[in-house]
Amino acid sequence: MDETPSSSQHFAAGSYIDLLLAAVIMQITFIITAIWVGTNSNDLLQTNSEHVRHVLKIQLSLGWMMCIIAGLGFSLLPLIYDVKSFDKSLMRSFIGMNMSGQFTIALGIIIGKEEIFYSLSTTGITLLCTALFLLGPPALTIFKSRKINSTEIGPFSYTIGMILPFIGLITLVSWIARENSMMLAISESVIFDLLIPLAVTATIVSHFNRRLNWDLIKPHNTGKVFAIFMTLLLLSILSAPLSDRGDMSVRLSAILALLPYIFIFIMLNPKKIVSKIIEKQPYNKMIAASVFWLPIIGIASYLEKLNFVSTTDAMMSYYRWILIFGFSMQALWGFASYLHDDHKKLSLHRRKTTWLIFLSLNIGSLITTFALINSWITDEELTSYPRIGIAVYAASYILILIHWIRDVFFGLDNWYATPMFYDKYLKYPEEGPGYDFEN
């Protein structure tokens, strides 16, 4: 055995850049497709509207949002757990399948022919789900290493990857069995009401507990919090079909929809977040703001379940709009921005807030919330989303694209393979990430 030390950087370090650029490109593709659907009324959209809306939701959730989640995982998990399961070929395969799946879905919708739409949508969903299957083996490697450096955020760190292949399988089977509308509803619930809340909450806990050492959740409690949160989310999902069949009261179903978001909001210790902000401790404003949308999501879900706020069947639930933009997009892009500054090794006090992105996401969510409250007070049915809210959300897509292209291609700061703070997890910190003494 050759024991001559040799320094080599693990490829996964910094691979978030490729996945985030893929995400911003696909965000634009998604918004163009969504605008196309919203401004056209061809035969496909009129006769197959439920299936068109479903594939758009899959394109959003398992497409560009999953690119961000995977990008953060590819970059940080190998550093934290000292594993080499995320390699160059895997990342390229994931990006290729993910982007191809999204483009294929968008093409099928824009062409507007029913036979082509179903053929291309099936191909696109299959590609997106296969991309999730690819993450199974490296996620298993992380899971086996979970006792290493995982006490700060516990199961929030390693469980998400383990459930991705199951999410892919449920999504694919549901699309194949799409003639049963209940299958599509289950698929959407598993993604939007389980995967996304868990994954985004994991990034929030990682930022505050691991990166900033604020200990919002005590390390010895993270496992319990994760287990209760996941159980509440599952109960919320199961309550919907039970309520529809009359086996559970609508009020109980609404309460179960509210509980997960109130619980995790309380567990994230908002009082401590506010006190740290008052103390002028450095933090990412987008991630902090996302936490305070959690109770709004729960309340909106509660009101919609009780039909205090009524929408047409053609609309996505308002609570999911707030979940996607106010909570998820904000926390994920905020975490990515902070990680990028870590790679540039910027002083915490030199970091700038991307105010235009911050304002567009929060103002858009405020407009959405106002429309929901207005419907509740006036008892008027919501037949469309506020156009100004959609415009503000669309602006956030453009602003994110401009920010990341400018920062990646035209930034003047030096970039380092090992982000500041995370070098403490390296087995041989002086040699850089991925160093293997036996190699």
Protein backbone atom coordinates (compact mmCIF):
# COMPACT_ATOMS: atom_id res chain seq x y z
CA MET A 1 0.00 0.00 0.00
CA ASP A 2 1.32 3.38 -1.03
CA GLU A 3 1.10 5.69 1.99
CA THR A 4 2.57 8.72 0.29
CA PRO A 5 0.22 11.59 1.04
CA SER A 6 -1.34 13.23 -1.98
CA SER A 7 -3.67 16.19 -1.88
CA SER A 8 -6.75 16.05 -4.08
CA GLN A 9 -10.02 17.98 -4.00
CA HIS A 10 -13.20 15.94 -3.98
CA PHE A 11 -15.11 16.70 -7.18
CA ALA A 12 -18.37 17.23 -5.35
CA ALA A 13 -17.03 20.31 -3.54
CA GLY A 14 -18.68 23.28 -5.21
CA SER A 15 -20.77 21.21 -7.61
CA TYR A 16 -23.78 23.20 -6.43
CA ILE A 17 -22.90 25.83 -9.05
CA ASP A 18 -23.77 23.54 -11.99
CA LEU A 19 -27.03 22.44 -10.38
CA LEU A 20 -28.06 25.96 -9.39
CA LEU A 21 -27.42 27.27 -12.89
CA ALA A 22 -29.54 24.38 -14.21
CA ALA A 23 -32.24 25.42 -11.71
CA VAL A 24 -32.31 29.09 -12.75
CA ILE A 25 -32.46 28.16 -16.44
CA MET A 26 -35.31 25.74 -15.80
CA GLN A 27 -37.14 28.30 -13.66
CA ILE A 28 -37.41 30.46 -16.73
CA THR A 29 -38.55 27.48 -18.82
CA PHE A 30 -41.20 26.73 -16.22
CA ILE A 31 -42.54 30.28 -15.99
CA ILE A 32 -42.73 30.51 -19.82
CA THR A 33 -44.67 27.25 -19.89
CA ALA A 34 -46.97 28.39 -17.08
CA ILE A 35 -47.65 31.71 -18.84
CA TRP A 36 -48.36 29.77 -22.04
CA VAL A 37 -50.96 27.68 -20.21
CA GLY A 38 -52.47 30.76 -18.58
CA THR A 39 -52.85 32.73 -21.82
CA ASN A 40 -53.97 29.99 -24.23
CA SER A 41 -57.23 28.05 -24.46
CA ASN A 42 -56.60 25.31 -27.01
CA ASP A 43 -58.37 21.94 -26.99
CA LEU A 44 -55.64 20.27 -24.93
CA LEU A 45 -55.96 22.76 -22.08
CA GLN A 46 -59.75 22.64 -22.11
CA THR A 47 -60.19 18.86 -22.20
CA ASN A 48 -57.13 17.76 -20.20
CA SER A 49 -56.69 20.65 -17.78
CA GLU A 50 -56.25 18.42 -14.69
CA HIS A 51 -53.38 16.49 -16.28
CA VAL A 52 -51.72 19.64 -17.66
CA ARG A 53 -51.79 21.23 -14.20
CA HIS A 54 -50.39 18.05 -12.67
CA VAL A 55 -47.36 17.82 -14.97
CA LEU A 56 -46.66 21.52 -14.38
CA LYS A 57 -46.58 20.85 -10.63
CA ILE A 58 -44.22 17.91 -11.18
CA GLN A 59 -42.02 20.07 -13.42
CA LEU A 60 -41.82 22.67 -10.65
CA SER A 61 -41.29 20.39 -7.65
CA LEU A 62 -39.19 17.52 -9.00
CA GLY A 63 -37.56 19.73 -11.62
CA TRP A 64 -35.82 22.99 -10.78
CA MET A 65 -36.62 22.88 -7.05
CA MET A 66 -35.06 19.42 -6.84
CA CYS A 67 -31.99 20.77 -8.69
CA ILE A 68 -31.44 23.23 -5.84
CA ILE A 69 -31.94 20.59 -3.14
CA ALA A 70 -29.63 18.14 -4.92
CA GLY A 71 -27.03 20.86 -5.52
CA LEU A 72 -26.81 21.66 -1.83
CA GLY A 73 -26.61 17.97 -0.99
CA PHE A 74 -23.94 17.21 -3.60
CA SER A 75 -21.74 19.99 -2.26
CA LEU A 76 -22.06 19.64 1.49
CA LEU A 77 -22.85 16.05 2.42
CA PRO A 78 -19.54 14.60 1.14
CA LEU A 79 -17.68 17.22 3.18
CA ILE A 80 -19.68 16.63 6.34
CA TYR A 81 -19.80 12.84 6.22
CA ASP A 82 -16.42 12.22 4.54
CA VAL A 83 -17.86 10.03 1.78
CA LYS A 84 -17.16 9.88 -1.96
CA SER A 85 -20.50 8.63 -3.24
CA PHE A 86 -21.30 11.79 -5.21
CA ASP A 87 -19.09 11.72 -8.28
CA LYS A 88 -18.85 13.62 -11.55
CA SER A 89 -20.69 11.07 -13.70
CA LEU A 90 -23.59 10.85 -11.23
CA MET A 91 -24.01 14.61 -11.12
CA ARG A 92 -23.94 14.85 -14.93
CA SER A 93 -26.49 12.06 -15.22
CA PHE A 94 -28.78 13.75 -12.69
CA ILE A 95 -28.57 17.15 -14.41
CA GLY A 96 -29.06 15.60 -17.85
CA MET A 97 -32.12 13.58 -16.87
CA ASN A 98 -33.64 16.36 -14.77
CA MET A 99 -33.31 19.07 -17.41
CA SER A 100 -34.35 16.72 -20.23
CA GLY A 101 -37.43 15.75 -18.26
CA GLN A 102 -38.42 19.37 -17.70
CA PHE A 103 -37.82 20.37 -21.33
CA THR A 104 -39.81 17.37 -22.53
CA ILE A 105 -42.80 18.25 -20.35
CA ALA A 106 -42.67 21.90 -21.46
CA LEU A 107 -42.49 20.86 -25.12
CA GLY A 108 -45.46 18.54 -24.79
CA ILE A 109 -47.59 21.32 -23.29
CA ILE A 110 -46.57 23.99 -25.79
CA ILE A 111 -47.13 21.76 -28.86
CA GLY A 112 -50.70 21.37 -27.64
CA LYS A 113 -51.58 18.05 -29.32
CA GLU A 114 -53.18 15.55 -26.95
CA GLU A 115 -51.33 12.44 -28.13
CA ILE A 116 -47.97 14.23 -28.16
CA PHE A 117 -48.67 15.79 -24.75
CA TYR A 118 -49.26 12.45 -23.06
CA SER A 119 -46.34 10.79 -24.78
CA LEU A 120 -43.87 13.56 -23.92
CA SER A 121 -45.25 14.05 -20.40
CA THR A 122 -44.82 10.35 -19.66
CA THR A 123 -41.26 10.54 -20.97
CA GLY A 124 -40.55 13.69 -18.97
CA ILE A 125 -41.95 12.36 -15.68
CA THR A 126 -40.05 9.11 -16.20
CA LEU A 127 -36.81 11.05 -16.62
CA LEU A 128 -37.45 13.17 -13.52
CA CYS A 129 -38.26 10.11 -11.44
CA THR A 130 -35.25 8.19 -12.76
CA ALA A 131 -33.06 11.13 -11.71
CA LEU A 132 -34.40 10.62 -8.17
CA PHE A 133 -33.63 6.90 -8.34
CA LEU A 134 -30.01 7.80 -9.13
CA LEU A 135 -29.73 9.55 -5.76
CA GLY A 136 -30.68 6.39 -3.88
CA PRO A 137 -27.22 4.72 -3.61
CA PRO A 138 -25.34 7.85 -2.45
CA ALA A 139 -28.18 8.63 -0.03
CA LEU A 140 -27.78 5.12 1.40
CA THR A 141 -24.06 5.75 1.88
CA ILE A 142 -24.87 8.95 3.77
CA PHE A 143 -27.43 7.09 5.87
CA LYS A 144 -24.85 4.47 6.85
CA SER A 145 -22.54 7.31 7.96
CA ARG A 146 -25.31 9.13 9.85
CA LYS A 147 -23.64 8.80 13.26
CA ILE A 148 -20.76 10.96 12.03
CA ASN A 149 -21.20 14.72 12.50
CA SER A 150 -25.00 14.44 12.39
CA THR A 151 -25.94 15.46 15.92
CA GLU A 152 -26.43 19.14 15.01
CA ILE A 153 -29.41 18.52 12.74
CA GLY A 154 -29.98 14.77 13.17
CA PRO A 155 -32.35 13.00 10.72
CA PHE A 156 -32.99 16.30 8.94
CA SER A 157 -29.54 15.78 7.40
CA TYR A 158 -29.70 12.23 6.09
CA THR A 159 -33.33 11.07 5.84
CA ILE A 160 -34.43 13.27 2.91
CA GLY A 161 -32.18 11.47 0.44
CA MET A 162 -33.47 8.09 1.57
CA ILE A 163 -37.08 8.91 0.66
CA LEU A 164 -36.34 10.40 -2.78
CA PRO A 165 -36.50 7.06 -4.68
CA PHE A 166 -39.87 6.33 -3.03
CA ILE A 167 -41.13 9.77 -4.05
CA GLY A 168 -40.03 9.00 -7.62
CA LEU A 169 -41.80 5.64 -7.59
CA ILE A 170 -45.05 7.08 -6.22
CA THR A 171 -44.97 9.91 -8.78
CA LEU A 172 -44.39 7.57 -11.72
CA VAL A 173 -47.03 5.02 -10.65
CA SER A 174 -49.55 7.81 -10.02
CA TRP A 175 -49.04 9.22 -13.51
CA ILE A 176 -49.44 5.79 -15.10
CA ALA A 177 -52.69 5.38 -13.15
CA ARG A 178 -53.77 8.96 -13.90
CA GLU A 179 -57.32 8.01 -14.92
CA ASN A 180 -57.94 7.76 -11.18
CA SER A 181 -57.77 11.39 -10.07
CA MET A 182 -57.19 10.25 -6.49
CA MET A 183 -53.78 8.88 -7.54
CA LEU A 184 -52.69 12.26 -8.86
CA ALA A 185 -53.88 13.94 -5.66
CA ILE A 186 -51.87 11.46 -3.55
CA SER A 187 -48.77 12.06 -5.68
CA GLU A 188 -49.06 15.84 -5.29
CA SER A 189 -49.69 15.55 -1.56
CA VAL A 190 -46.63 13.37 -1.03
CA ILE A 191 -44.47 15.90 -2.88
CA PHE A 192 -45.88 19.22 -1.65
CA ASP A 193 -47.08 18.19 1.80
CA LEU A 194 -44.24 15.84 2.78
CA LEU A 195 -41.06 16.07 0.71
CA ILE A 196 -40.84 19.84 0.26
CA PRO A 197 -41.65 20.79 3.88
CA LEU A 198 -39.12 18.23 5.15
CA ALA A 199 -36.36 19.15 2.69
CA VAL A 200 -36.72 22.91 3.13
CA THR A 201 -36.95 22.65 6.91
CA ALA A 202 -33.73 20.61 6.78
CA THR A 203 -31.93 23.51 5.07
CA ILE A 204 -33.30 25.96 7.66
CA VAL A 205 -32.18 23.80 10.58
CA SER A 206 -28.79 23.30 8.89
CA HIS A 207 -28.34 27.06 8.50
CA PHE A 208 -29.21 28.00 12.06
CA ASN A 209 -28.01 24.94 13.96
CA ARG A 210 -24.98 23.81 11.96
CA ARG A 211 -23.77 26.93 10.19
CA LEU A 212 -24.53 29.63 12.77
CA ASN A 213 -24.54 27.50 15.94
CA TRP A 214 -27.72 29.17 17.20
CA ASP A 215 -29.08 25.83 18.51
CA LEU A 216 -32.70 26.66 17.72
CA ILE A 217 -33.36 22.96 18.24
CA LYS A 218 -31.13 21.30 20.81
CA PRO A 219 -29.01 18.56 19.16
CA HIS A 220 -30.42 15.84 21.43
CA ASN A 221 -33.96 16.83 20.37
CA THR A 222 -33.55 16.94 16.57
CA GLY A 223 -34.49 13.27 16.15
CA LYS A 224 -37.68 13.68 18.16
CA VAL A 225 -38.64 16.90 16.35
CA PHE A 226 -38.06 15.29 12.95
CA ALA A 227 -40.12 12.20 13.88
CA ILE A 228 -43.06 14.25 15.19
CA PHE A 229 -42.97 16.67 12.23
CA MET A 230 -42.91 13.83 9.69
CA THR A 231 -45.72 12.01 11.52
CA LEU A 232 -47.89 15.15 11.54
CA LEU A 233 -47.28 15.67 7.82
CA LEU A 234 -48.25 12.06 7.07
CA LEU A 235 -51.40 12.38 9.18
CA SER A 236 -52.29 15.55 7.28
CA ILE A 237 -51.90 13.72 3.96
CA LEU A 238 -53.96 10.72 5.10
CA SER A 239 -56.72 12.93 6.48
CA ALA A 240 -57.64 14.36 3.07
CA PRO A 241 -58.98 11.16 1.45
CA LEU A 242 -60.57 10.09 4.75
CA SER A 243 -62.39 13.41 4.95
CA ASP A 244 -63.50 13.18 1.31
CA ARG A 245 -65.00 9.73 2.00
CA GLY A 246 -66.78 10.93 5.13
CA ASP A 247 -64.67 8.80 7.48
CA MET A 248 -63.27 11.89 9.21
CA SER A 249 -64.80 15.26 9.97
CA VAL A 250 -63.73 18.18 7.82
CA ARG A 251 -62.78 20.16 10.93
CA LEU A 252 -60.43 17.44 12.17
CA SER A 253 -58.87 17.20 8.71
CA ALA A 254 -58.34 20.98 8.74
CA ILE A 255 -56.75 20.84 12.19
CA LEU A 256 -54.40 18.07 11.04
CA ALA A 257 -53.41 20.26 8.06
CA LEU A 258 -52.63 23.15 10.41
CA LEU A 259 -50.68 21.27 13.09
CA PRO A 260 -47.42 20.38 11.23
CA TYR A 261 -46.65 24.00 10.34
CA ILE A 262 -47.52 25.38 13.77
CA PHE A 263 -45.45 22.64 15.41
CA ILE A 264 -42.30 23.14 13.35
CA PHE A 265 -42.65 26.94 13.64
CA ILE A 266 -42.63 26.66 17.42
CA MET A 267 -39.77 24.14 17.36
CA LEU A 268 -37.66 26.53 15.25
CA ASN A 269 -37.80 28.91 18.20
CA PRO A 270 -38.90 32.18 16.52
CA LYS A 271 -38.34 34.06 19.78
CA LYS A 272 -34.65 33.14 19.71
CA ILE A 273 -34.39 34.08 16.02
CA VAL A 274 -35.80 37.52 16.77
CA SER A 275 -33.47 37.97 19.77
CA LYS A 276 -30.43 37.06 17.63
CA ILE A 277 -31.56 39.51 14.96
CA ILE A 278 -31.92 42.26 17.58
CA GLU A 279 -28.40 41.41 18.77
CA LYS A 280 -27.28 41.99 15.15
CA GLN A 281 -25.88 38.48 14.78
CA PRO A 282 -25.05 37.66 11.13
CA TYR A 283 -27.61 35.46 9.36
CA ASN A 284 -29.36 35.08 6.02
CA LYS A 285 -32.46 37.26 5.88
CA MET A 286 -34.24 35.12 3.29
CA ILE A 287 -33.94 32.01 5.44
CA ALA A 288 -35.11 33.88 8.54
CA ALA A 289 -38.09 35.34 6.68
CA SER A 290 -39.08 31.91 5.37
CA VAL A 291 -39.54 30.65 8.95
CA PHE A 292 -42.24 33.25 9.64
CA TRP A 293 -44.31 32.09 6.66
CA LEU A 294 -44.83 28.68 8.32
CA PRO A 295 -47.85 29.64 10.47
CA ILE A 296 -49.38 31.48 7.49
CA ILE A 297 -49.12 28.28 5.43
CA GLY A 298 -50.84 26.32 8.20
CA ILE A 299 -53.62 28.87 8.68
CA ALA A 300 -54.21 29.13 4.91
CA SER A 301 -54.42 25.35 4.67
CA TYR A 302 -56.87 25.29 7.60
CA LEU A 303 -59.13 27.92 5.99
CA GLU A 304 -59.12 26.17 2.62
CA LYS A 305 -59.89 22.76 4.15
CA LEU A 306 -62.93 24.26 5.90
CA ASN A 307 -63.97 26.02 2.66
CA PHE A 308 -63.79 29.40 4.37
CA VAL A 309 -61.71 30.28 1.31
CA SER A 310 -63.04 28.66 -1.85
CA THR A 311 -61.21 28.32 -5.14
CA THR A 312 -62.06 26.66 -8.44
CA ASP A 313 -60.82 23.18 -9.29
CA ALA A 314 -58.52 24.71 -11.89
CA MET A 315 -56.43 26.49 -9.25
CA MET A 316 -53.62 25.33 -7.03
CA SER A 317 -54.36 25.77 -3.34
CA TYR A 318 -53.32 29.17 -2.05
CA TYR A 319 -51.42 27.64 0.86
CA ARG A 320 -49.22 25.83 -1.67
CA TRP A 321 -48.40 29.12 -3.41
CA ILE A 322 -47.16 30.48 -0.10
CA LEU A 323 -45.39 27.17 0.60
CA ILE A 324 -43.54 27.34 -2.72
CA PHE A 325 -42.64 31.02 -2.92
CA GLY A 326 -42.71 32.49 0.59
CA PHE A 327 -41.22 29.44 2.30
CA SER A 328 -39.43 27.05 -0.08
CA MET A 329 -37.92 29.26 -2.79
CA GLN A 330 -36.86 31.82 -0.24
CA ALA A 331 -35.15 29.36 2.10
CA LEU A 332 -33.45 27.34 -0.67
CA TRP A 333 -32.08 30.34 -2.57
CA GLY A 334 -31.09 32.00 0.71
CA PHE A 335 -29.14 28.90 1.77
CA ALA A 336 -27.50 28.66 -1.67
CA SER A 337 -26.48 32.32 -1.50
CA TYR A 338 -24.93 31.89 1.95
CA LEU A 339 -23.08 28.77 0.82
CA HIS A 340 -21.72 30.61 -2.21
CA ASP A 341 -20.43 33.38 0.05
CA ASP A 342 -18.83 30.68 2.21
CA HIS A 343 -16.98 29.43 -0.87
CA LYS A 344 -15.83 32.99 -1.52
CA LYS A 345 -14.84 33.18 2.16
CA LEU A 346 -16.50 36.54 2.61
CA SER A 347 -16.61 37.94 6.10
CA LEU A 348 -20.05 37.43 7.64
CA HIS A 349 -20.34 41.18 8.10
CA ARG A 350 -19.50 41.91 4.44
CA ARG A 351 -22.32 39.83 3.02
CA LYS A 352 -25.07 41.66 1.18
CA THR A 353 -28.75 40.83 1.10
CA THR A 354 -30.24 40.42 -2.38
CA TRP A 355 -33.00 42.86 -1.50
CA LEU A 356 -34.86 42.76 -4.82
CA ILE A 357 -35.21 38.97 -4.66
CA PHE A 358 -36.09 39.16 -0.97
CA LEU A 359 -38.77 41.79 -1.58
CA SER A 360 -40.26 40.15 -4.68
CA LEU A 361 -40.77 36.79 -2.94
CA ASN A 362 -42.23 38.32 0.21
CA ILE A 363 -44.38 40.96 -1.49
CA GLY A 364 -45.75 38.33 -3.87
CA SER A 365 -46.63 36.12 -0.89
CA LEU A 366 -48.20 39.06 0.95
CA ILE A 367 -50.41 39.76 -2.09
CA THR A 368 -51.40 36.09 -2.17
CA THR A 369 -52.20 36.15 1.55
CA PHE A 370 -54.24 39.35 1.18
CA ALA A 371 -56.31 37.77 -1.61
CA LEU A 372 -56.95 34.75 0.60
CA ILE A 373 -58.00 36.89 3.60
CA ASN A 374 -60.22 39.04 1.38
CA SER A 375 -62.01 35.93 0.10
CA TRP A 376 -62.51 34.75 3.70
CA ILE A 377 -63.96 38.09 4.82
CA THR A 378 -66.18 38.73 1.77
CA ASP A 379 -67.08 35.05 1.19
CA GLU A 380 -66.30 35.48 -2.52
CA GLU A 381 -64.95 32.56 -4.54
CA LEU A 382 -61.45 32.99 -5.89
CA THR A 383 -61.54 32.26 -9.61
CA SER A 384 -58.03 33.41 -10.48
CA TYR A 385 -54.77 34.40 -8.85
CA PRO A 386 -53.99 38.10 -8.35
CA ARG A 387 -52.25 39.16 -11.55
CA ILE A 388 -49.99 41.57 -9.73
CA GLY A 389 -48.92 38.73 -7.44
CA ILE A 390 -48.08 36.54 -10.44
CA ALA A 391 -46.13 39.42 -11.98
CA VAL A 392 -44.13 39.91 -8.79
CA TYR A 393 -43.37 36.18 -8.56
CA ALA A 394 -42.35 36.16 -12.24
CA ALA A 395 -40.03 39.08 -11.54
CA SER A 396 -38.36 37.04 -8.79
CA TYR A 397 -37.49 34.35 -11.37
CA ILE A 398 -35.78 36.92 -13.60
CA LEU A 399 -33.98 38.54 -10.67
CA ILE A 400 -32.64 35.18 -9.46
CA LEU A 401 -31.40 34.38 -12.96
CA ILE A 402 -29.63 37.74 -13.25
CA HIS A 403 -28.11 37.45 -9.76
CA TRP A 404 -26.61 34.00 -10.25
CA ILE A 405 -25.30 34.58 -13.75
CA ARG A 406 -23.68 37.82 -12.58
CA ASP A 407 -22.27 36.26 -9.42
CA VAL A 408 -20.94 33.08 -11.06
CA PHE A 409 -19.59 34.45 -14.35
CA PHE A 410 -18.80 38.06 -13.51
CA GLY A 411 -18.01 37.95 -9.79
CA LEU A 412 -14.61 39.33 -8.79
CA ASP A 413 -14.19 37.47 -5.49
CA ASN A 414 -11.91 34.46 -5.25
CA TRP A 415 -13.66 31.08 -5.02
CA TYR A 416 -12.35 28.26 -2.82
CA ALA A 417 -13.17 24.55 -3.02
CA THR A 418 -13.60 24.26 0.74
CA PRO A 419 -16.23 26.72 2.04
CA MET A 420 -15.41 28.57 5.22
CA PHE A 421 -16.75 26.94 8.39
CA TYR A 422 -17.13 23.53 6.74
CA ASP A 423 -13.40 22.74 6.80
CA LYS A 424 -13.90 21.68 10.43
CA TYR A 425 -15.61 18.54 9.12
CA LEU A 426 -12.64 17.43 7.02
CA LYS A 427 -10.67 14.44 8.26
CA TYR A 428 -7.48 16.05 6.95
CA PRO A 429 -8.38 19.77 6.85
CA GLU A 430 -4.93 20.82 5.68
CA GLU A 431 -5.28 18.55 2.63
CA GLY A 432 -8.70 19.74 1.50
CA PRO A 433 -11.98 17.85 0.95
CA GLY A 434 -11.85 14.28 -0.32
CA TYR A 435 -8.27 13.60 0.76
CA ASP A 436 -7.65 9.89 1.21
CA PHE A 437 -4.49 8.95 3.08
CA GLU A 438 -4.55 5.50 1.49
CA ASN A 439 -4.93 6.79 -2.05
